[in-house]
Amino acid sequence: MTAAPPVPALRGINYDVGTDYGSVPSRVFWHRDDVIRDLVAIRDELHCTTVNLFGTDTGRLAEAAGIARRVGLHVWVQPRLIDRPQHEVLAHLLDAARAVEQLRLEHGAVVLNIGCEWSIFSHGLIPGRSYAERAAHLGRPWSWPALPLYSRRLNRLLARAVEVARDEFHGPVTYAAGLWEQVDWRPFDLVGLNYYRLRWNRLGYARRLRKHVQHGRPVVITEFGCATFRGAAALGPAGHTILRYGPDGPYLAPGYVRDEQEQADYLHSLLDVYRAAGVAGTFVFEFAEPYKPHSADPRTDFDMSGYGIVKVLPGAPGGPLRWEPKAAFRALARVYEVS
């Protein structure tokens, strides 16, 4: 295991360079000027020290990481390959590790986050032909007795993945674990938790987090956030499910009302919990979701289903990405500025 350097009060956010989820790519167009503008805003307006860059294209990951280091941000890089066989996931990780090691040699201050919630995003760990089917399987109470089995399968894959990553990358390594995943953290330098709060885990949420912090390795909250509608806090990481897909394209489930303040209050509340628990750092999920643009018409305001703290504005196809801060952006900036 590589000795991890002391981790400062890490103030971070997740930034998607484009993830291939199958039917809906999260970011179709790539403009370097957009990325520079966004990362400078993350540094200067949000007062972040660190950005977690995630996505499928390793070229985009490397380009964005280089920009982030040049503007003075610490960088975590997390490759995401969705719904592919495990050998392809490991090959993709190997490519990313090579690119991230080159970045580390040139710029330093880089962490490799080998993956995210692989038990649902990868094949062969939980029953289901797609990540949506595997997530639905987890939501059925009769599947819960099998969670130890799923975690054993996950840990076997993680052990192989750490070996693959360390063959090429010689800096700190971590993983972003889902709430249901029982990870063996011994091969890792940092504990990474996608630690969302929602209706069913609200009671005891802070107490369970403190148990993670007591294990000895620095604990970083690799994801937390909620969507932008009334009632989103109770759904946590399932807020996106109000966006549905039909034969005529995407649509919002009826009955939901836009509420930026609920998203802002959720972030503020959890940052207080994390500070009290003594975690080493936090990454809000997430900066922007380009494939969920805002609209003044509530029937097509897809941003309501998104976790982005900026709302993406409609624009010309292929043109620059336009966005405006949401209430959560301003709330996060106030907290991070004084942290």
Protein backbone atom coordinates (compact mmCIF):
# COMPACT_ATOMS: atom_id res chain seq x y z
CA MET A 1 0.00 0.00 0.00
CA THR A 2 1.30 3.47 -0.89
CA ALA A 3 1.49 5.73 2.14
CA ALA A 4 -1.06 8.50 1.69
CA PRO A 5 0.08 12.03 2.44
CA PRO A 6 -1.75 13.98 5.16
CA VAL A 7 -5.07 15.10 3.73
CA PRO A 8 -6.01 18.74 4.41
CA ALA A 9 -9.56 19.99 4.79
CA LEU A 10 -10.49 18.97 1.28
CA ARG A 11 -13.28 21.07 -0.22
CA GLY A 12 -14.37 19.43 -3.44
CA ILE A 13 -16.98 18.91 -6.09
CA ASN A 14 -17.61 16.27 -8.77
CA TYR A 15 -17.25 17.30 -12.42
CA ASP A 16 -18.49 15.07 -15.22
CA VAL A 17 -16.39 15.15 -18.39
CA GLY A 18 -18.94 12.91 -20.10
CA THR A 19 -20.20 9.49 -19.01
CA ASP A 20 -21.67 6.94 -21.41
CA TYR A 21 -24.73 5.54 -19.64
CA GLY A 22 -25.88 3.68 -22.73
CA SER A 23 -28.92 5.46 -24.11
CA VAL A 24 -28.15 8.95 -22.79
CA PRO A 25 -24.60 10.38 -22.87
CA SER A 26 -24.20 12.88 -20.07
CA ARG A 27 -22.09 15.32 -22.08
CA VAL A 28 -22.11 15.16 -25.87
CA PHE A 29 -20.04 18.22 -26.77
CA TRP A 30 -16.61 19.06 -25.42
CA HIS A 31 -15.24 22.61 -25.48
CA ARG A 32 -11.94 23.31 -23.77
CA ASP A 33 -12.94 26.91 -23.05
CA ASP A 34 -16.04 25.69 -21.18
CA VAL A 35 -13.91 23.42 -19.02
CA ILE A 36 -11.43 26.21 -18.21
CA ARG A 37 -14.27 28.58 -17.27
CA ASP A 38 -15.95 25.92 -15.09
CA LEU A 39 -12.78 24.93 -13.24
CA VAL A 40 -11.86 28.55 -12.59
CA ALA A 41 -15.37 29.13 -11.19
CA ILE A 42 -14.94 26.03 -9.02
CA ARG A 43 -11.70 27.48 -7.68
CA ASP A 44 -12.65 31.15 -7.31
CA GLU A 45 -16.42 31.23 -6.79
CA LEU A 46 -17.01 27.96 -4.95
CA HIS A 47 -13.67 28.14 -3.05
CA CYS A 48 -12.93 24.48 -3.76
CA THR A 49 -9.47 23.07 -3.22
CA THR A 50 -10.10 19.88 -5.19
CA VAL A 51 -12.15 18.50 -8.08
CA ASN A 52 -13.11 14.89 -8.77
CA LEU A 53 -13.18 14.45 -12.54
CA PHE A 54 -15.23 11.46 -13.66
CA GLY A 55 -16.25 10.09 -17.02
CA THR A 56 -15.71 7.51 -19.72
CA ASP A 57 -13.28 9.09 -22.19
CA THR A 58 -9.75 8.89 -20.76
CA GLY A 59 -8.59 11.61 -23.15
CA ARG A 60 -11.13 14.04 -21.73
CA LEU A 61 -10.21 13.01 -18.20
CA ALA A 62 -6.53 13.68 -18.84
CA GLU A 63 -7.20 17.01 -20.57
CA ALA A 64 -9.50 18.26 -17.81
CA ALA A 65 -7.08 17.06 -15.12
CA GLY A 66 -4.22 18.97 -16.73
CA ILE A 67 -6.35 22.13 -16.83
CA ALA A 68 -7.38 21.67 -13.20
CA ARG A 69 -3.79 21.32 -12.03
CA ARG A 70 -2.69 24.37 -14.05
CA VAL A 71 -5.38 26.53 -12.42
CA GLY A 72 -4.25 25.31 -9.00
CA LEU A 73 -6.82 22.68 -8.06
CA HIS A 74 -5.90 19.33 -6.54
CA VAL A 75 -7.26 16.55 -8.73
CA TRP A 76 -8.95 13.21 -8.27
CA VAL A 77 -9.61 11.20 -11.43
CA GLN A 78 -12.33 8.55 -11.61
CA PRO A 79 -12.84 6.55 -14.83
CA ARG A 80 -16.40 5.27 -15.37
CA LEU A 81 -17.25 2.46 -17.77
CA ILE A 82 -20.90 1.54 -17.37
CA ASP A 83 -22.53 -1.85 -18.03
CA ARG A 84 -19.44 -3.53 -19.42
CA PRO A 85 -17.76 -6.86 -18.55
CA GLN A 86 -15.26 -6.77 -15.72
CA HIS A 87 -12.25 -7.39 -17.97
CA GLU A 88 -13.18 -4.30 -20.00
CA VAL A 89 -13.59 -2.26 -16.82
CA LEU A 90 -10.09 -3.30 -15.71
CA ALA A 91 -8.59 -2.52 -19.13
CA HIS A 92 -10.25 0.90 -19.05
CA LEU A 93 -8.85 1.47 -15.55
CA LEU A 94 -5.36 0.53 -16.77
CA ASP A 95 -5.54 3.16 -19.52
CA ALA A 96 -6.71 5.77 -17.04
CA ALA A 97 -4.00 4.86 -14.52
CA ARG A 98 -1.31 5.39 -17.16
CA ALA A 99 -2.69 8.82 -18.03
CA VAL A 100 -3.07 9.83 -14.39
CA GLU A 101 0.46 8.71 -13.54
CA GLN A 102 1.84 10.95 -16.27
CA LEU A 103 -0.17 13.81 -14.81
CA ARG A 104 1.12 13.04 -11.33
CA LEU A 105 4.72 13.08 -12.56
CA GLU A 106 4.19 16.42 -14.26
CA HIS A 107 2.00 18.19 -11.71
CA GLY A 108 1.70 16.15 -8.48
CA ALA A 109 -1.34 16.38 -6.16
CA VAL A 110 -3.34 13.68 -7.96
CA VAL A 111 -5.44 10.84 -6.52
CA LEU A 112 -6.76 7.91 -8.58
CA ASN A 113 -10.36 7.04 -7.68
CA ILE A 114 -10.61 3.66 -9.41
CA GLY A 115 -14.39 3.52 -9.74
CA CYS A 116 -17.86 4.19 -8.42
CA GLU A 117 -20.47 1.78 -7.05
CA TRP A 118 -19.24 -1.11 -9.19
CA SER A 119 -21.77 -3.52 -7.72
CA ILE A 120 -24.45 -1.82 -9.83
CA PHE A 121 -22.40 -0.23 -12.61
CA SER A 122 -20.44 -3.40 -13.54
CA HIS A 123 -21.59 -6.81 -14.72
CA GLY A 124 -21.49 -9.96 -12.65
CA LEU A 125 -21.79 -8.73 -9.06
CA ILE A 126 -25.55 -8.25 -8.63
CA PRO A 127 -28.29 -9.86 -10.78
CA GLY A 128 -29.46 -7.69 -13.66
CA ARG A 129 -28.66 -7.00 -17.30
CA SER A 130 -28.22 -3.23 -16.80
CA TYR A 131 -27.33 -0.84 -14.01
CA ALA A 132 -30.99 0.18 -13.80
CA GLU A 133 -32.05 -3.45 -13.27
CA ARG A 134 -29.33 -3.99 -10.66
CA ALA A 135 -30.32 -0.82 -8.80
CA ALA A 136 -33.95 -1.96 -8.85
CA HIS A 137 -32.88 -5.36 -7.50
CA LEU A 138 -31.19 -3.66 -4.56
CA GLY A 139 -34.39 -1.79 -3.81
CA ARG A 140 -36.30 -5.01 -3.09
CA PRO A 141 -36.08 -6.09 0.57
CA TRP A 142 -35.81 -9.77 -0.32
CA SER A 143 -32.41 -9.04 -1.92
CA TRP A 144 -30.87 -7.67 1.29
CA PRO A 145 -29.81 -11.04 2.80
CA ALA A 146 -27.57 -11.44 -0.26
CA LEU A 147 -25.67 -8.18 0.36
CA PRO A 148 -22.69 -9.96 2.03
CA LEU A 149 -22.36 -12.17 -1.06
CA TYR A 150 -22.46 -9.15 -3.36
CA SER A 151 -19.82 -7.40 -1.25
CA ARG A 152 -17.52 -10.45 -1.39
CA ARG A 153 -17.78 -10.44 -5.17
CA LEU A 154 -17.11 -6.69 -5.20
CA ASN A 155 -14.04 -7.01 -2.98
CA ARG A 156 -12.55 -9.66 -5.25
CA LEU A 157 -12.93 -7.28 -8.19
CA LEU A 158 -11.56 -4.35 -6.18
CA ALA A 159 -8.49 -6.34 -5.14
CA ARG A 160 -7.73 -7.08 -8.80
CA ALA A 161 -8.40 -3.47 -9.74
CA VAL A 162 -6.01 -2.08 -7.13
CA GLU A 163 -3.26 -4.34 -8.48
CA VAL A 164 -3.98 -3.12 -12.02
CA ALA A 165 -3.99 0.52 -10.93
CA ARG A 166 -0.77 0.29 -8.89
CA ASP A 167 1.08 -1.32 -11.81
CA GLU A 168 0.89 2.08 -13.51
CA PHE A 169 -0.02 4.69 -10.91
CA HIS A 170 2.16 5.42 -7.89
CA GLY A 171 0.08 7.93 -5.96
CA PRO A 172 -2.84 7.54 -3.54
CA VAL A 173 -5.67 5.22 -4.61
CA THR A 174 -9.28 5.05 -3.43
CA TYR A 175 -12.77 3.96 -4.50
CA ALA A 176 -16.24 5.54 -4.22
CA ALA A 177 -18.43 3.05 -2.32
CA GLY A 178 -22.20 2.95 -2.35
CA LEU A 179 -24.16 2.89 0.89
CA TRP A 180 -24.87 -0.84 0.54
CA GLU A 181 -21.29 -1.88 -0.30
CA GLN A 182 -19.13 -3.35 2.47
CA VAL A 183 -15.65 -2.60 1.15
CA ASP A 184 -12.40 -4.08 2.43
CA TRP A 185 -10.37 -0.86 2.60
CA ARG A 186 -7.02 -2.48 3.41
CA PRO A 187 -5.61 -2.18 -0.14
CA PHE A 188 -6.56 1.50 -0.35
CA ASP A 189 -4.97 4.71 0.91
CA LEU A 190 -8.23 6.58 1.50
CA VAL A 191 -11.78 5.55 2.34
CA GLY A 192 -14.24 6.97 -0.21
CA LEU A 193 -17.95 7.00 0.62
CA ASN A 194 -20.88 8.01 -1.57
CA TYR A 195 -22.69 8.87 1.62
CA TYR A 196 -26.12 10.16 0.69
CA ARG A 197 -28.80 10.78 3.29
CA LEU A 198 -32.36 9.81 2.44
CA ARG A 199 -35.55 8.79 4.16
CA TRP A 200 -34.59 5.26 5.19
CA ASN A 201 -31.13 5.99 6.64
CA ARG A 202 -31.74 9.36 8.27
CA LEU A 203 -31.92 7.82 11.74
CA GLY A 204 -28.37 6.84 12.70
CA TYR A 205 -26.78 8.48 9.64
CA ALA A 206 -24.15 10.44 11.60
CA ARG A 207 -23.46 7.59 14.01
CA ARG A 208 -22.66 5.16 11.18
CA LEU A 209 -20.36 7.72 9.59
CA ARG A 210 -18.36 8.11 12.80
CA LYS A 211 -17.70 4.35 12.75
CA HIS A 212 -16.06 4.72 9.33
CA VAL A 213 -13.89 7.58 10.58
CA GLN A 214 -12.57 5.43 13.43
CA HIS A 215 -10.94 2.88 11.09
CA GLY A 216 -7.66 4.81 10.81
CA ARG A 217 -7.57 5.78 7.13
CA PRO A 218 -8.68 9.27 6.08
CA VAL A 219 -12.37 9.25 5.12
CA VAL A 220 -13.57 11.37 2.22
CA ILE A 221 -17.21 11.79 1.23
CA THR A 222 -16.89 11.15 -2.50
CA GLU A 223 -20.52 11.99 -3.29
CA PHE A 224 -23.44 13.67 -1.56
CA GLY A 225 -26.27 15.78 -2.86
CA CYS A 226 -29.90 15.79 -3.92
CA ALA A 227 -32.03 16.92 -6.83
CA THR A 228 -33.90 20.22 -7.19
CA PHE A 229 -37.54 19.63 -6.33
CA ARG A 230 -39.69 19.62 -3.22
CA GLY A 231 -39.19 16.27 -1.50
CA ALA A 232 -35.82 15.54 -3.15
CA ALA A 233 -33.98 15.36 0.17
CA ALA A 234 -35.99 12.29 1.17
CA LEU A 235 -34.98 10.53 -2.06
CA GLY A 236 -31.26 11.41 -1.93
CA PRO A 237 -29.48 9.57 -4.78
CA ALA A 238 -32.78 8.49 -6.34
CA GLY A 239 -33.97 12.00 -7.18
CA HIS A 240 -33.13 11.52 -10.85
CA THR A 241 -35.87 8.90 -11.15
CA ILE A 242 -38.52 11.60 -11.63
CA LEU A 243 -37.09 11.91 -15.15
CA ARG A 244 -38.66 9.21 -17.31
CA TYR A 245 -38.04 8.08 -20.87
CA GLY A 246 -40.83 7.25 -23.29
CA PRO A 247 -41.22 6.71 -27.04
CA ASP A 248 -41.46 10.47 -27.56
CA GLY A 249 -38.38 11.26 -25.47
CA PRO A 250 -37.74 12.28 -21.85
CA TYR A 251 -40.46 13.64 -19.60
CA LEU A 252 -40.90 14.50 -15.93
CA ALA A 253 -43.21 12.51 -13.71
CA PRO A 254 -46.17 14.72 -12.81
CA GLY A 255 -46.69 16.41 -9.45
CA TYR A 256 -43.18 17.68 -8.67
CA VAL A 257 -42.39 21.32 -7.91
CA ARG A 258 -39.00 22.98 -8.44
CA ASP A 259 -37.32 23.84 -5.12
CA GLU A 260 -33.75 25.11 -5.22
CA GLN A 261 -33.74 25.88 -1.51
CA GLU A 262 -34.35 22.24 -0.57
CA GLN A 263 -31.20 21.27 -2.46
CA ALA A 264 -29.22 24.08 -0.80
CA ASP A 265 -30.45 23.19 2.69
CA TYR A 266 -29.57 19.52 2.13
CA LEU A 267 -25.96 20.36 1.28
CA HIS A 268 -25.60 22.78 4.18
CA SER A 269 -27.03 20.31 6.68
CA LEU A 270 -24.77 17.46 5.61
CA LEU A 271 -21.65 19.61 5.57
CA ASP A 272 -22.35 20.30 9.26
CA VAL A 273 -22.63 16.53 9.88
CA TYR A 274 -19.37 15.82 8.05
CA ARG A 275 -17.48 18.53 9.88
CA ALA A 276 -18.64 17.17 13.24
CA ALA A 277 -17.65 13.61 12.25
CA GLY A 278 -14.11 14.65 11.34
CA VAL A 279 -14.00 13.53 7.72
CA ALA A 280 -10.97 14.56 5.69
CA GLY A 281 -12.95 16.11 2.88
CA THR A 282 -16.14 16.30 0.83
CA PHE A 283 -17.11 16.17 -2.84
CA VAL A 284 -20.55 17.54 -3.69
CA PHE A 285 -22.41 15.71 -6.44
CA GLU A 286 -22.19 17.55 -8.80
CA PHE A 287 -21.30 20.74 -10.70
CA ALA A 288 -23.47 20.48 -13.83
CA GLU A 289 -25.57 18.00 -15.82
CA PRO A 290 -25.56 19.23 -19.43
CA TYR A 291 -28.10 16.65 -20.58
CA LYS A 292 -30.71 18.00 -18.15
CA PRO A 293 -31.29 21.63 -19.22
CA HIS A 294 -33.41 24.07 -17.28
CA SER A 295 -36.65 25.38 -18.75
CA ALA A 296 -39.11 28.01 -17.59
CA ASP A 297 -41.83 25.50 -18.47
CA PRO A 298 -42.12 23.16 -15.43
CA ARG A 299 -43.20 20.31 -17.73
CA THR A 300 -39.79 20.31 -19.44
CA ASP A 301 -37.57 21.62 -16.63
CA PHE A 302 -35.31 18.56 -16.64
CA ASP A 303 -32.91 20.32 -14.29
CA MET A 304 -35.38 19.53 -11.49
CA SER A 305 -34.27 15.90 -11.71
CA GLY A 306 -30.58 16.81 -11.62
CA TYR A 307 -28.01 17.07 -8.86
CA GLY A 308 -26.07 19.91 -10.50
CA ILE A 309 -25.58 23.04 -8.44
CA VAL A 310 -25.74 25.11 -11.61
CA LYS A 311 -28.66 25.03 -14.03
CA VAL A 312 -27.69 24.46 -17.64
CA LEU A 313 -29.45 26.83 -20.02
CA PRO A 314 -30.71 25.90 -23.48
CA GLY A 315 -28.32 26.79 -26.28
CA ALA A 316 -27.42 26.05 -29.85
CA PRO A 317 -26.53 22.36 -30.39
CA GLY A 318 -22.78 22.01 -30.22
CA GLY A 319 -22.33 25.53 -28.89
CA PRO A 320 -20.77 26.67 -25.60
CA LEU A 321 -22.31 25.36 -22.40
CA ARG A 322 -24.29 28.11 -20.69
CA TRP A 323 -25.22 27.93 -17.01
CA GLU A 324 -26.37 29.97 -14.01
CA PRO A 325 -25.74 29.32 -10.30
CA LYS A 326 -28.52 27.77 -8.27
CA ALA A 327 -29.23 28.37 -4.58
CA ALA A 328 -27.07 25.34 -3.76
CA PHE A 329 -24.10 26.94 -5.54
CA ARG A 330 -24.35 30.03 -3.36
CA ALA A 331 -24.86 28.00 -0.18
CA LEU A 332 -21.85 25.81 -0.91
CA ALA A 333 -19.68 28.81 -1.71
CA ARG A 334 -20.50 30.41 1.65
CA VAL A 335 -19.62 27.26 3.59
CA TYR A 336 -16.45 26.44 1.64
CA GLU A 337 -15.20 30.03 1.86
CA VAL A 338 -14.98 29.89 5.67
CA SER A 339 -13.92 26.23 6.00
